[in-house]
Amino acid sequence: MTPPRSPRRATPSSAPPSLHLGLVLSLGLFATLGASGCGGVLYAVQASSASSKVNEARAIGAEKLAPYEFYLAEEHLYKASEEASQANYGDAADLAEKAEEAAEKAIKLSRDAHKGKGR
């Protein structure tokens, strides 16, 4: 008597060749898009978000209440714009992200200062 056979499991080598080809083509497409013009899109999203935060910080008085963080955010955003104008989108996105972080800190410090004054 032979022992019962266990159900066959799919392994990478048992997958149809078309699945492997599709996976390789998909990875190639994503790699190509990442290396081409998609860096500008990432920068644009990051810069837009950072710009909104800087404007919010300005609106609540961060220029006076958290000047270091506020001007750090502004300068990082300005430098991000310069980098993007030279198609250095990776650096531009990183700088925009730092600008957003500094603006968020300026917002927090400004709100804390308003609370301390009883507003």
PDB file of N, CA and C in Angstrom:
ATOM      1  N   MET A   1       0.831  -1.167   0.000  1.00  0.00           N
ATOM      2  CA  MET A   1       0.000   0.000   0.000  1.00  0.00           C
ATOM      3  C   MET A   1       0.889   1.247   0.000  1.00  0.00           C
ATOM      4  N   THR A   2       0.561   2.220  -0.836  1.00  0.00           N
ATOM      5  CA  THR A   2       1.354   3.438  -0.920  1.00  0.00           C
ATOM      6  C   THR A   2       0.726   4.505  -0.034  1.00  0.00           C
ATOM      7  N   PRO A   3       1.573   5.337   0.568  1.00  0.00           N
ATOM      8  CA  PRO A   3       1.037   6.400   1.435  1.00  0.00           C
ATOM      9  C   PRO A   3       0.268   7.423   0.595  1.00  0.00           C
ATOM     10  N   PRO A   4      -0.712   8.104   1.195  1.00  0.00           N
ATOM     11  CA  PRO A   4      -1.472   9.117   0.446  1.00  0.00           C
ATOM     12  C   PRO A   4      -0.555  10.276   0.061  1.00  0.00           C
ATOM     13  N   ARG A   5      -0.815  10.840  -1.088  1.00  0.00           N
ATOM     14  CA  ARG A   5      -0.002  11.959  -1.588  1.00  0.00           C
ATOM     15  C   ARG A   5      -0.518  13.277  -1.006  1.00  0.00           C
ATOM     16  N   SER A   6       0.404  14.116  -0.649  1.00  0.00           N
ATOM     17  CA  SER A   6       0.002  15.429  -0.142  1.00  0.00           C
ATOM     18  C   SER A   6      -0.353  16.308  -1.338  1.00  0.00           C
ATOM     19  N   PRO A   7      -1.206  17.304  -1.122  1.00  0.00           N
ATOM     20  CA  PRO A   7      -1.573  18.189  -2.231  1.00  0.00           C
ATOM     21  C   PRO A   7      -0.339  18.904  -2.765  1.00  0.00           C
ATOM     22  N   ARG A   8      -0.313  19.092  -4.067  1.00  0.00           N
ATOM     23  CA  ARG A   8       0.825  19.750  -4.707  1.00  0.00           C
ATOM     24  C   ARG A   8       0.740  21.262  -4.466  1.00  0.00           C
ATOM     25  N   ARG A   9       1.835  21.810  -4.040  1.00  0.00           N
ATOM     26  CA  ARG A   9       1.902  23.246  -3.785  1.00  0.00           C
ATOM     27  C   ARG A   9       2.598  23.924  -4.950  1.00  0.00           C
ATOM     28  N   ALA A  10       2.149  25.126  -5.231  1.00  0.00           N
ATOM     29  CA  ALA A  10       2.794  25.884  -6.297  1.00  0.00           C
ATOM     30  C   ALA A  10       4.111  26.439  -5.782  1.00  0.00           C
ATOM     31  N   THR A  11       5.139  26.242  -6.533  1.00  0.00           N
ATOM     32  CA  THR A  11       6.445  26.798  -6.221  1.00  0.00           C
ATOM     33  C   THR A  11       6.836  27.701  -7.380  1.00  0.00           C
ATOM     34  N   PRO A  12       7.798  28.567  -7.159  1.00  0.00           N
ATOM     35  CA  PRO A  12       8.171  29.454  -8.250  1.00  0.00           C
ATOM     36  C   PRO A  12       8.522  28.696  -9.527  1.00  0.00           C
ATOM     37  N   SER A  13       9.145  27.529  -9.398  1.00  0.00           N
ATOM     38  CA  SER A  13       9.534  26.796 -10.595  1.00  0.00           C
ATOM     39  C   SER A  13       8.341  26.130 -11.263  1.00  0.00           C
ATOM     40  N   SER A  14       7.211  25.935 -10.535  1.00  0.00           N
ATOM     41  CA  SER A  14       6.058  25.295 -11.141  1.00  0.00           C
ATOM     42  C   SER A  14       5.074  26.309 -11.708  1.00  0.00           C
ATOM     43  N   ALA A  15       5.330  27.606 -11.528  1.00  0.00           N
ATOM     44  CA  ALA A  15       4.450  28.628 -12.078  1.00  0.00           C
ATOM     45  C   ALA A  15       4.634  28.678 -13.589  1.00  0.00           C
ATOM     46  N   PRO A  16       3.583  29.041 -14.306  1.00  0.00           N
ATOM     47  CA  PRO A  16       3.706  29.096 -15.762  1.00  0.00           C
ATOM     48  C   PRO A  16       4.716  30.153 -16.184  1.00  0.00           C
ATOM     49  N   PRO A  17       5.431  29.908 -17.296  1.00  0.00           N
ATOM     50  CA  PRO A  17       6.440  30.870 -17.763  1.00  0.00           C
ATOM     51  C   PRO A  17       5.866  32.254 -18.014  1.00  0.00           C
ATOM     52  N   SER A  18       4.606  32.346 -18.419  1.00  0.00           N
ATOM     53  CA  SER A  18       4.015  33.657 -18.691  1.00  0.00           C
ATOM     54  C   SER A  18       3.923  34.495 -17.416  1.00  0.00           C
ATOM     55  N   LEU A  19       3.741  33.836 -16.256  1.00  0.00           N
ATOM     56  CA  LEU A  19       3.696  34.550 -14.988  1.00  0.00           C
ATOM     57  C   LEU A  19       5.061  35.159 -14.675  1.00  0.00           C
ATOM     58  N   HIS A  20       6.121  34.378 -14.905  1.00  0.00           N
ATOM     59  CA  HIS A  20       7.474  34.891 -14.681  1.00  0.00           C
ATOM     60  C   HIS A  20       7.762  36.067 -15.598  1.00  0.00           C
ATOM     61  N   LEU A  21       7.390  35.941 -16.860  1.00  0.00           N
ATOM     62  CA  LEU A  21       7.628  37.011 -17.818  1.00  0.00           C
ATOM     63  C   LEU A  21       6.860  38.261 -17.422  1.00  0.00           C
ATOM     64  N   GLY A  22       5.607  38.087 -17.001  1.00  0.00           N
ATOM     65  CA  GLY A  22       4.803  39.233 -16.579  1.00  0.00           C
ATOM     66  C   GLY A  22       5.400  39.931 -15.375  1.00  0.00           C
ATOM     67  N   LEU A  23       5.919  39.151 -14.432  1.00  0.00           N
ATOM     68  CA  LEU A  23       6.537  39.724 -13.240  1.00  0.00           C
ATOM     69  C   LEU A  23       7.790  40.507 -13.609  1.00  0.00           C
ATOM     70  N   VAL A  24       8.608  39.927 -14.465  1.00  0.00           N
ATOM     71  CA  VAL A  24       9.840  40.594 -14.887  1.00  0.00           C
ATOM     72  C   VAL A  24       9.517  41.880 -15.639  1.00  0.00           C
ATOM     73  N   LEU A  25       8.532  41.837 -16.534  1.00  0.00           N
ATOM     74  CA  LEU A  25       8.158  43.042 -17.273  1.00  0.00           C
ATOM     75  C   LEU A  25       7.593  44.117 -16.354  1.00  0.00           C
ATOM     76  N   SER A  26       6.793  43.709 -15.367  1.00  0.00           N
ATOM     77  CA  SER A  26       6.235  44.681 -14.422  1.00  0.00           C
ATOM     78  C   SER A  26       7.327  45.359 -13.608  1.00  0.00           C
ATOM     79  N   LEU A  27       8.267  44.570 -13.127  1.00  0.00           N
ATOM     80  CA  LEU A  27       9.378  45.149 -12.367  1.00  0.00           C
ATOM     81  C   LEU A  27      10.206  46.078 -13.235  1.00  0.00           C
ATOM     82  N   GLY A  28      10.413  45.695 -14.464  1.00  0.00           N
ATOM     83  CA  GLY A  28      11.157  46.549 -15.396  1.00  0.00           C
ATOM     84  C   GLY A  28      10.448  47.858 -15.650  1.00  0.00           C
ATOM     85  N   LEU A  29       9.129  47.801 -15.788  1.00  0.00           N
ATOM     86  CA  LEU A  29       8.351  49.014 -16.010  1.00  0.00           C
ATOM     87  C   LEU A  29       8.458  49.959 -14.824  1.00  0.00           C
ATOM     88  N   PHE A  30       8.301  49.424 -13.612  1.00  0.00           N
ATOM     89  CA  PHE A  30       8.410  50.271 -12.417  1.00  0.00           C
ATOM     90  C   PHE A  30       9.811  50.863 -12.286  1.00  0.00           C
ATOM     91  N   ALA A  31      10.824  50.090 -12.599  1.00  0.00           N
ATOM     92  CA  ALA A  31      12.201  50.597 -12.523  1.00  0.00           C
ATOM     93  C   ALA A  31      12.408  51.712 -13.538  1.00  0.00           C
ATOM     94  N   THR A  32      11.862  51.539 -14.735  1.00  0.00           N
ATOM     95  CA  THR A  32      12.005  52.553 -15.774  1.00  0.00           C
ATOM     96  C   THR A  32      11.285  53.831 -15.383  1.00  0.00           C
ATOM     97  N   LEU A  33      10.060  53.699 -14.871  1.00  0.00           N
ATOM     98  CA  LEU A  33       9.320  54.883 -14.451  1.00  0.00           C
ATOM     99  C   LEU A  33      10.033  55.606 -13.316  1.00  0.00           C
ATOM    100  N   GLY A  34      10.588  54.845 -12.403  1.00  0.00           N
ATOM    101  CA  GLY A  34      11.295  55.456 -11.281  1.00  0.00           C
ATOM    102  C   GLY A  34      12.532  56.203 -11.729  1.00  0.00           C
ATOM    103  N   ALA A  35      13.175  55.716 -12.777  1.00  0.00           N
ATOM    104  CA  ALA A  35      14.405  56.350 -13.261  1.00  0.00           C
ATOM    105  C   ALA A  35      14.109  57.498 -14.220  1.00  0.00           C
ATOM    106  N   SER A  36      12.901  57.566 -14.741  1.00  0.00           N
ATOM    107  CA  SER A  36      12.594  58.608 -15.714  1.00  0.00           C
ATOM    108  C   SER A  36      12.043  59.845 -15.030  1.00  0.00           C
ATOM    109  N   GLY A  37      10.882  60.306 -15.439  1.00  0.00           N
ATOM    110  CA  GLY A  37      10.369  61.581 -14.980  1.00  0.00           C
ATOM    111  C   GLY A  37       9.513  61.545 -13.746  1.00  0.00           C
ATOM    112  N   CYS A  38       9.377  60.445 -13.067  1.00  0.00           N
ATOM    113  CA  CYS A  38       8.477  60.370 -11.917  1.00  0.00           C
ATOM    114  C   CYS A  38       9.041  61.061 -10.680  1.00  0.00           C
ATOM    115  N   GLY A  39      10.333  61.349 -10.669  1.00  0.00           N
ATOM    116  CA  GLY A  39      10.912  62.065  -9.540  1.00  0.00           C
ATOM    117  C   GLY A  39      10.313  63.445  -9.396  1.00  0.00           C
ATOM    118  N   GLY A  40       9.972  64.052 -10.526  1.00  0.00           N
ATOM    119  CA  GLY A  40       9.356  65.368 -10.502  1.00  0.00           C
ATOM    120  C   GLY A  40       7.995  65.343  -9.849  1.00  0.00           C
ATOM    121  N   VAL A  41       7.276  64.262 -10.036  1.00  0.00           N
ATOM    122  CA  VAL A  41       5.955  64.137  -9.428  1.00  0.00           C
ATOM    123  C   VAL A  41       6.097  64.033  -7.911  1.00  0.00           C
ATOM    124  N   LEU A  42       7.030  63.204  -7.456  1.00  0.00           N
ATOM    125  CA  LEU A  42       7.267  63.071  -6.018  1.00  0.00           C
ATOM    126  C   LEU A  42       7.653  64.417  -5.414  1.00  0.00           C
ATOM    127  N   TYR A  43       8.537  65.131  -6.094  1.00  0.00           N
ATOM    128  CA  TYR A  43       8.942  66.450  -5.608  1.00  0.00           C
ATOM    129  C   TYR A  43       7.738  67.389  -5.542  1.00  0.00           C
ATOM    130  N   ALA A  44       6.920  67.390  -6.593  1.00  0.00           N
ATOM    131  CA  ALA A  44       5.785  68.306  -6.652  1.00  0.00           C
ATOM    132  C   ALA A  44       4.818  68.064  -5.494  1.00  0.00           C
ATOM    133  N   VAL A  45       4.568  66.816  -5.202  1.00  0.00           N
ATOM    134  CA  VAL A  45       3.667  66.480  -4.086  1.00  0.00           C
ATOM    135  C   VAL A  45       4.275  66.934  -2.767  1.00  0.00           C
ATOM    136  N   GLN A  46       5.548  66.626  -2.578  1.00  0.00           N
ATOM    137  CA  GLN A  46       6.221  66.980  -1.324  1.00  0.00           C
ATOM    138  C   GLN A  46       6.314  68.498  -1.163  1.00  0.00           C
ATOM    139  N   ALA A  47       6.651  69.196  -2.241  1.00  0.00           N
ATOM    140  CA  ALA A  47       6.798  70.651  -2.182  1.00  0.00           C
ATOM    141  C   ALA A  47       5.455  71.330  -1.917  1.00  0.00           C
ATOM    142  N   SER A  48       4.400  70.810  -2.510  1.00  0.00           N
ATOM    143  CA  SER A  48       3.072  71.381  -2.284  1.00  0.00           C
ATOM    144  C   SER A  48       2.665  71.247  -0.822  1.00  0.00           C
ATOM    145  N   SER A  49       2.916  70.087  -0.265  1.00  0.00           N
ATOM    146  CA  SER A  49       2.594  69.851   1.139  1.00  0.00           C
ATOM    147  C   SER A  49       3.422  70.760   2.047  1.00  0.00           C
ATOM    148  N   ALA A  50       4.708  70.865   1.742  1.00  0.00           N
ATOM    149  CA  ALA A  50       5.592  71.712   2.554  1.00  0.00           C
ATOM    150  C   ALA A  50       5.182  73.174   2.452  1.00  0.00           C
ATOM    151  N   SER A  51       4.836  73.605   1.259  1.00  0.00           N
ATOM    152  CA  SER A  51       4.421  74.989   1.061  1.00  0.00           C
ATOM    153  C   SER A  51       3.164  75.308   1.866  1.00  0.00           C
ATOM    154  N   SER A  52       2.232  74.374   1.896  1.00  0.00           N
ATOM    155  CA  SER A  52       1.013  74.565   2.692  1.00  0.00           C
ATOM    156  C   SER A  52       1.348  74.703   4.170  1.00  0.00           C
ATOM    157  N   LYS A  53       2.274  73.879   4.645  1.00  0.00           N
ATOM    158  CA  LYS A  53       2.667  73.943   6.064  1.00  0.00           C
ATOM    159  C   LYS A  53       3.365  75.261   6.379  1.00  0.00           C
ATOM    160  N   VAL A  54       4.223  75.723   5.471  1.00  0.00           N
ATOM    161  CA  VAL A  54       4.920  77.001   5.683  1.00  0.00           C
ATOM    162  C   VAL A  54       3.892  78.135   5.739  1.00  0.00           C
ATOM    163  N   ASN A  55       2.921  78.104   4.843  1.00  0.00           N
ATOM    164  CA  ASN A  55       1.875  79.137   4.862  1.00  0.00           C
ATOM    165  C   ASN A  55       1.048  79.075   6.135  1.00  0.00           C
ATOM    166  N   GLU A  56       0.768  77.864   6.606  1.00  0.00           N
ATOM    167  CA  GLU A  56       0.032  77.722   7.868  1.00  0.00           C
ATOM    168  C   GLU A  56       0.849  78.284   9.027  1.00  0.00           C
ATOM    169  N   ALA A  57       2.145  77.996   9.024  1.00  0.00           N
ATOM    170  CA  ALA A  57       3.025  78.505  10.074  1.00  0.00           C
ATOM    171  C   ALA A  57       3.054  80.035  10.051  1.00  0.00           C
ATOM    172  N   ARG A  58       3.119  80.608   8.855  1.00  0.00           N
ATOM    173  CA  ARG A  58       3.128  82.064   8.723  1.00  0.00           C
ATOM    174  C   ARG A  58       1.824  82.648   9.270  1.00  0.00           C
ATOM    175  N   ALA A  59       0.709  82.000   8.975  1.00  0.00           N
ATOM    176  CA  ALA A  59      -0.604  82.504   9.378  1.00  0.00           C
ATOM    177  C   ALA A  59      -0.783  82.550  10.895  1.00  0.00           C
ATOM    178  N   ILE A  60      -0.104  81.660  11.603  1.00  0.00           N
ATOM    179  CA  ILE A  60      -0.263  81.677  13.067  1.00  0.00           C
ATOM    180  C   ILE A  60       0.887  82.399  13.773  1.00  0.00           C
ATOM    181  N   GLY A  61       1.703  83.109  12.999  1.00  0.00           N
ATOM    182  CA  GLY A  61       2.731  83.945  13.600  1.00  0.00           C
ATOM    183  C   GLY A  61       4.041  83.260  13.921  1.00  0.00           C
ATOM    184  N   ALA A  62       4.365  82.204  13.218  1.00  0.00           N
ATOM    185  CA  ALA A  62       5.597  81.464  13.505  1.00  0.00           C
ATOM    186  C   ALA A  62       6.860  82.279  13.214  1.00  0.00           C
ATOM    187  N   GLU A  63       6.733  83.297  12.363  1.00  0.00           N
ATOM    188  CA  GLU A  63       7.903  84.142  12.085  1.00  0.00           C
ATOM    189  C   GLU A  63       8.447  84.763  13.373  1.00  0.00           C
ATOM    190  N   LYS A  64       7.544  85.102  14.299  1.00  0.00           N
ATOM    191  CA  LYS A  64       7.961  85.702  15.560  1.00  0.00           C
ATOM    192  C   LYS A  64       8.025  84.698  16.701  1.00  0.00           C
ATOM    193  N   LEU A  65       7.134  83.691  16.665  1.00  0.00           N
ATOM    194  CA  LEU A  65       7.043  82.754  17.779  1.00  0.00           C
ATOM    195  C   LEU A  65       8.003  81.573  17.667  1.00  0.00           C
ATOM    196  N   ALA A  66       8.388  81.220  16.452  1.00  0.00           N
ATOM    197  CA  ALA A  66       9.326  80.106  16.228  1.00  0.00           C
ATOM    198  C   ALA A  66      10.186  80.453  15.014  1.00  0.00           C
ATOM    199  N   PRO A  67      10.966  81.542  15.127  1.00  0.00           N
ATOM    200  CA  PRO A  67      11.677  82.036  13.948  1.00  0.00           C
ATOM    201  C   PRO A  67      12.699  81.063  13.357  1.00  0.00           C
ATOM    202  N   TYR A  68      13.426  80.356  14.196  1.00  0.00           N
ATOM    203  CA  TYR A  68      14.433  79.432  13.678  1.00  0.00           C
ATOM    204  C   TYR A  68      13.778  78.366  12.801  1.00  0.00           C
ATOM    205  N   GLU A  69      12.756  77.734  13.327  1.00  0.00           N
ATOM    206  CA  GLU A  69      12.086  76.663  12.600  1.00  0.00           C
ATOM    207  C   GLU A  69      11.378  77.189  11.359  1.00  0.00           C
ATOM    208  N   PHE A  70      10.760  78.364  11.489  1.00  0.00           N
ATOM    209  CA  PHE A  70      10.040  78.939  10.355  1.00  0.00           C
ATOM    210  C   PHE A  70      10.992  79.257   9.211  1.00  0.00           C
ATOM    211  N   TYR A  71      12.077  79.951   9.497  1.00  0.00           N
ATOM    212  CA  TYR A  71      13.003  80.332   8.421  1.00  0.00           C
ATOM    213  C   TYR A  71      13.781  79.131   7.892  1.00  0.00           C
ATOM    214  N   LEU A  72      14.013  78.139   8.737  1.00  0.00           N
ATOM    215  CA  LEU A  72      14.623  76.892   8.271  1.00  0.00           C
ATOM    216  C   LEU A  72      13.707  76.241   7.233  1.00  0.00           C
ATOM    217  N   ALA A  73      12.420  76.210   7.525  1.00  0.00           N
ATOM    218  CA  ALA A  73      11.449  75.638   6.590  1.00  0.00           C
ATOM    219  C   ALA A  73      11.425  76.424   5.284  1.00  0.00           C
ATOM    220  N   GLU A  74      11.387  77.740   5.373  1.00  0.00           N
ATOM    221  CA  GLU A  74      11.379  78.566   4.164  1.00  0.00           C
ATOM    222  C   GLU A  74      12.623  78.356   3.309  1.00  0.00           C
ATOM    223  N   GLU A  75      13.777  78.320   3.948  1.00  0.00           N
ATOM    224  CA  GLU A  75      15.026  78.168   3.191  1.00  0.00           C
ATOM    225  C   GLU A  75      15.150  76.776   2.569  1.00  0.00           C
ATOM    226  N   HIS A  76      14.714  75.749   3.296  1.00  0.00           N
ATOM    227  CA  HIS A  76      14.734  74.405   2.711  1.00  0.00           C
ATOM    228  C   HIS A  76      13.797  74.326   1.507  1.00  0.00           C
ATOM    229  N   LEU A  77      12.657  74.973   1.611  1.00  0.00           N
ATOM    230  CA  LEU A  77      11.712  74.970   0.497  1.00  0.00           C
ATOM    231  C   LEU A  77      12.290  75.729  -0.702  1.00  0.00           C
ATOM    232  N   TYR A  78      12.950  76.836  -0.438  1.00  0.00           N
ATOM    233  CA  TYR A  78      13.584  77.605  -1.515  1.00  0.00           C
ATOM    234  C   TYR A  78      14.678  76.777  -2.192  1.00  0.00           C
ATOM    235  N   LYS A  79      15.512  76.121  -1.380  1.00  0.00           N
ATOM    236  CA  LYS A  79      16.591  75.296  -1.935  1.00  0.00           C
ATOM    237  C   LYS A  79      16.017  74.106  -2.703  1.00  0.00           C
ATOM    238  N   ALA A  80      14.914  73.551  -2.230  1.00  0.00           N
ATOM    239  CA  ALA A  80      14.257  72.452  -2.943  1.00  0.00           C
ATOM    240  C   ALA A  80      13.836  72.919  -4.334  1.00  0.00           C
ATOM    241  N   SER A  81      13.311  74.119  -4.403  1.00  0.00           N
ATOM    242  CA  SER A  81      12.902  74.685  -5.687  1.00  0.00           C
ATOM    243  C   SER A  81      14.099  74.842  -6.623  1.00  0.00           C
ATOM    244  N   GLU A  82      15.227  75.302  -6.085  1.00  0.00           N
ATOM    245  CA  GLU A  82      16.451  75.428  -6.893  1.00  0.00           C
ATOM    246  C   GLU A  82      16.902  74.071  -7.425  1.00  0.00           C
ATOM    247  N   GLU A  83      16.896  73.065  -6.562  1.00  0.00           N
ATOM    248  CA  GLU A  83      17.319  71.721  -6.974  1.00  0.00           C
ATOM    249  C   GLU A  83      16.384  71.168  -8.054  1.00  0.00           C
ATOM    250  N   ALA A  84      15.100  71.386  -7.890  1.00  0.00           N
ATOM    251  CA  ALA A  84      14.135  70.902  -8.880  1.00  0.00           C
ATOM    252  C   ALA A  84      14.336  71.596 -10.223  1.00  0.00           C
ATOM    253  N   SER A  85      14.697  72.867 -10.189  1.00  0.00           N
ATOM    254  CA  SER A  85      14.912  73.595 -11.444  1.00  0.00           C
ATOM    255  C   SER A  85      16.108  73.047 -12.214  1.00  0.00           C
ATOM    256  N   GLN A  86      16.988  72.328 -11.520  1.00  0.00           N
ATOM    257  CA  GLN A  86      18.142  71.693 -12.163  1.00  0.00           C
ATOM    258  C   GLN A  86      17.905  70.194 -12.357  1.00  0.00           C
ATOM    259  N   ALA A  87      16.648  69.770 -12.200  1.00  0.00           N
ATOM    260  CA  ALA A  87      16.231  68.369 -12.374  1.00  0.00           C
ATOM    261  C   ALA A  87      16.869  67.422 -11.365  1.00  0.00           C
ATOM    262  N   ASN A  88      17.246  67.920 -10.211  1.00  0.00           N
ATOM    263  CA  ASN A  88      17.741  67.083  -9.109  1.00  0.00           C
ATOM    264  C   ASN A  88      16.560  66.771  -8.197  1.00  0.00           C
ATOM    265  N   TYR A  89      15.642  65.962  -8.721  1.00  0.00           N
ATOM    266  CA  TYR A  89      14.375  65.760  -8.034  1.00  0.00           C
ATOM    267  C   TYR A  89      14.494  64.989  -6.727  1.00  0.00           C
ATOM    268  N   GLY A  90      15.433  64.083  -6.644  1.00  0.00           N
ATOM    269  CA  GLY A  90      15.617  63.349  -5.391  1.00  0.00           C
ATOM    270  C   GLY A  90      16.028  64.282  -4.271  1.00  0.00           C
ATOM    271  N   ASP A  91      17.034  65.124  -4.550  1.00  0.00           N
ATOM    272  CA  ASP A  91      17.477  66.103  -3.551  1.00  0.00           C
ATOM    273  C   ASP A  91      16.361  67.100  -3.242  1.00  0.00           C
ATOM    274  N   ALA A  92      15.652  67.508  -4.289  1.00  0.00           N
ATOM    275  CA  ALA A  92      14.568  68.468  -4.106  1.00  0.00           C
ATOM    276  C   ALA A  92      13.483  67.899  -3.196  1.00  0.00           C
ATOM    277  N   ALA A  93      13.123  66.647  -3.411  1.00  0.00           N
ATOM    278  CA  ALA A  93      12.094  66.020  -2.576  1.00  0.00           C
ATOM    279  C   ALA A  93      12.563  65.894  -1.134  1.00  0.00           C
ATOM    280  N   ASP A  94      13.842  65.541  -0.948  1.00  0.00           N
ATOM    281  CA  ASP A  94      14.385  65.440   0.417  1.00  0.00           C
ATOM    282  C   ASP A  94      14.351  66.791   1.121  1.00  0.00           C
ATOM    283  N   LEU A  95      14.738  67.850   0.414  1.00  0.00           N
ATOM    284  CA  LEU A  95      14.729  69.187   1.005  1.00  0.00           C
ATOM    285  C   LEU A  95      13.308  69.644   1.309  1.00  0.00           C
ATOM    286  N   ALA A  96      12.376  69.326   0.426  1.00  0.00           N
ATOM    287  CA  ALA A  96      10.982  69.694   0.677  1.00  0.00           C
ATOM    288  C   ALA A  96      10.444  68.957   1.894  1.00  0.00           C
ATOM    289  N   GLU A  97      10.854  67.715   2.056  1.00  0.00           N
ATOM    290  CA  GLU A  97      10.425  66.952   3.236  1.00  0.00           C
ATOM    291  C   GLU A  97      10.982  67.583   4.511  1.00  0.00           C
ATOM    292  N   LYS A  98      12.243  68.002   4.475  1.00  0.00           N
ATOM    293  CA  LYS A  98      12.835  68.673   5.643  1.00  0.00           C
ATOM    294  C   LYS A  98      12.127  69.997   5.920  1.00  0.00           C
ATOM    295  N   ALA A  99      11.748  70.697   4.844  1.00  0.00           N
ATOM    296  CA  ALA A  99      11.015  71.955   5.011  1.00  0.00           C
ATOM    297  C   ALA A  99       9.688  71.708   5.706  1.00  0.00           C
ATOM    298  N   GLU A 100       9.010  70.659   5.307  1.00  0.00           N
ATOM    299  CA  GLU A 100       7.723  70.342   5.928  1.00  0.00           C
ATOM    300  C   GLU A 100       7.895  69.997   7.405  1.00  0.00           C
ATOM    301  N   GLU A 101       8.928  69.237   7.720  1.00  0.00           N
ATOM    302  CA  GLU A 101       9.186  68.880   9.128  1.00  0.00           C
ATOM    303  C   GLU A 101       9.458  70.123   9.960  1.00  0.00           C
ATOM    304  N   ALA A 102      10.273  71.044   9.428  1.00  0.00           N
ATOM    305  CA  ALA A 102      10.577  72.271  10.162  1.00  0.00           C
ATOM    306  C   ALA A 102       9.321  73.133  10.327  1.00  0.00           C
ATOM    307  N   ALA A 103       8.504  73.192   9.280  1.00  0.00           N
ATOM    308  CA  ALA A 103       7.262  73.971   9.363  1.00  0.00           C
ATOM    309  C   ALA A 103       6.311  73.373  10.394  1.00  0.00           C
ATOM    310  N   GLU A 104       6.226  72.053  10.434  1.00  0.00           N
ATOM    311  CA  GLU A 104       5.372  71.410  11.439  1.00  0.00           C
ATOM    312  C   GLU A 104       5.846  71.730  12.851  1.00  0.00           C
ATOM    313  N   LYS A 105       7.166  71.755  13.029  1.00  0.00           N
ATOM    314  CA  LYS A 105       7.705  72.094  14.348  1.00  0.00           C
ATOM    315  C   LYS A 105       7.407  73.559  14.685  1.00  0.00           C
ATOM    316  N   ALA A 106       7.524  74.428  13.684  1.00  0.00           N
ATOM    317  CA  ALA A 106       7.212  75.845  13.900  1.00  0.00           C
ATOM    318  C   ALA A 106       5.743  76.019  14.270  1.00  0.00           C
ATOM    319  N   ILE A 107       4.880  75.267  13.624  1.00  0.00           N
ATOM    320  CA  ILE A 107       3.448  75.331  13.929  1.00  0.00           C
ATOM    321  C   ILE A 107       3.202  74.889  15.363  1.00  0.00           C
ATOM    322  N   LYS A 108       3.807  73.793  15.753  1.00  0.00           N
ATOM    323  CA  LYS A 108       3.612  73.279  17.114  1.00  0.00           C
ATOM    324  C   LYS A 108       4.108  74.283  18.148  1.00  0.00           C
ATOM    325  N   LEU A 109       5.302  74.815  17.929  1.00  0.00           N
ATOM    326  CA  LEU A 109       5.851  75.787  18.881  1.00  0.00           C
ATOM    327  C   LEU A 109       4.987  77.047  18.951  1.00  0.00           C
ATOM    328  N   SER A 110       4.485  77.476  17.817  1.00  0.00           N
ATOM    329  CA  SER A 110       3.644  78.674  17.793  1.00  0.00           C
ATOM    330  C   SER A 110       2.327  78.436  18.517  1.00  0.00           C
ATOM    331  N   ARG A 111       1.740  77.277  18.287  1.00  0.00           N
ATOM    332  CA  ARG A 111       0.483  76.958  18.995  1.00  0.00           C
ATOM    333  C   ARG A 111       0.713  76.857  20.498  1.00  0.00           C
ATOM    334  N   ASP A 112       1.825  76.261  20.876  1.00  0.00           N
ATOM    335  CA  ASP A 112       2.153  76.170  22.302  1.00  0.00           C
ATOM    336  C   ASP A 112       2.336  77.570  22.893  1.00  0.00           C
ATOM    337  N   ALA A 113       2.962  78.457  22.141  1.00  0.00           N
ATOM    338  CA  ALA A 113       3.161  79.826  22.622  1.00  0.00           C
ATOM    339  C   ALA A 113       1.815  80.554  22.757  1.00  0.00           C
ATOM    340  N   HIS A 114       0.906  80.316  21.824  1.00  0.00           N
ATOM    341  CA  HIS A 114      -0.431  80.927  21.926  1.00  0.00           C
ATOM    342  C   HIS A 114      -1.168  80.407  23.158  1.00  0.00           C
ATOM    343  N   LYS A 115      -1.048  79.136  23.437  1.00  0.00           N
ATOM    344  CA  LYS A 115      -1.712  78.556  24.616  1.00  0.00           C
ATOM    345  C   LYS A 115      -1.146  79.163  25.891  1.00  0.00           C
ATOM    346  N   GLY A 116       0.168  79.390  25.892  1.00  0.00           N
ATOM    347  CA  GLY A 116       0.825  79.965  27.059  1.00  0.00           C
ATOM    348  C   GLY A 116       0.373  81.393  27.335  1.00  0.00           C
ATOM    349  N   LYS A 117      -0.100  82.085  26.313  1.00  0.00           N
ATOM    350  CA  LYS A 117      -0.563  83.457  26.484  1.00  0.00           C
ATOM    351  C   LYS A 117      -2.044  83.519  26.783  1.00  0.00           C
ATOM    352  N   GLY A 118      -2.676  82.357  26.906  1.00  0.00           N
ATOM    353  CA  GLY A 118      -4.098  82.323  27.241  1.00  0.00           C
ATOM    354  C   GLY A 118      -5.008  82.524  26.065  1.00  0.00           C
ATOM    355  N   ARG A 119      -4.499  82.345  24.847  1.00  0.00           N
ATOM    356  CA  ARG A 119      -5.344  82.524  23.659  1.00  0.00           C
ATOM    357  C   ARG A 119      -6.083  81.279  23.323  1.00  0.00           C
TER     358      ARG A 119
END
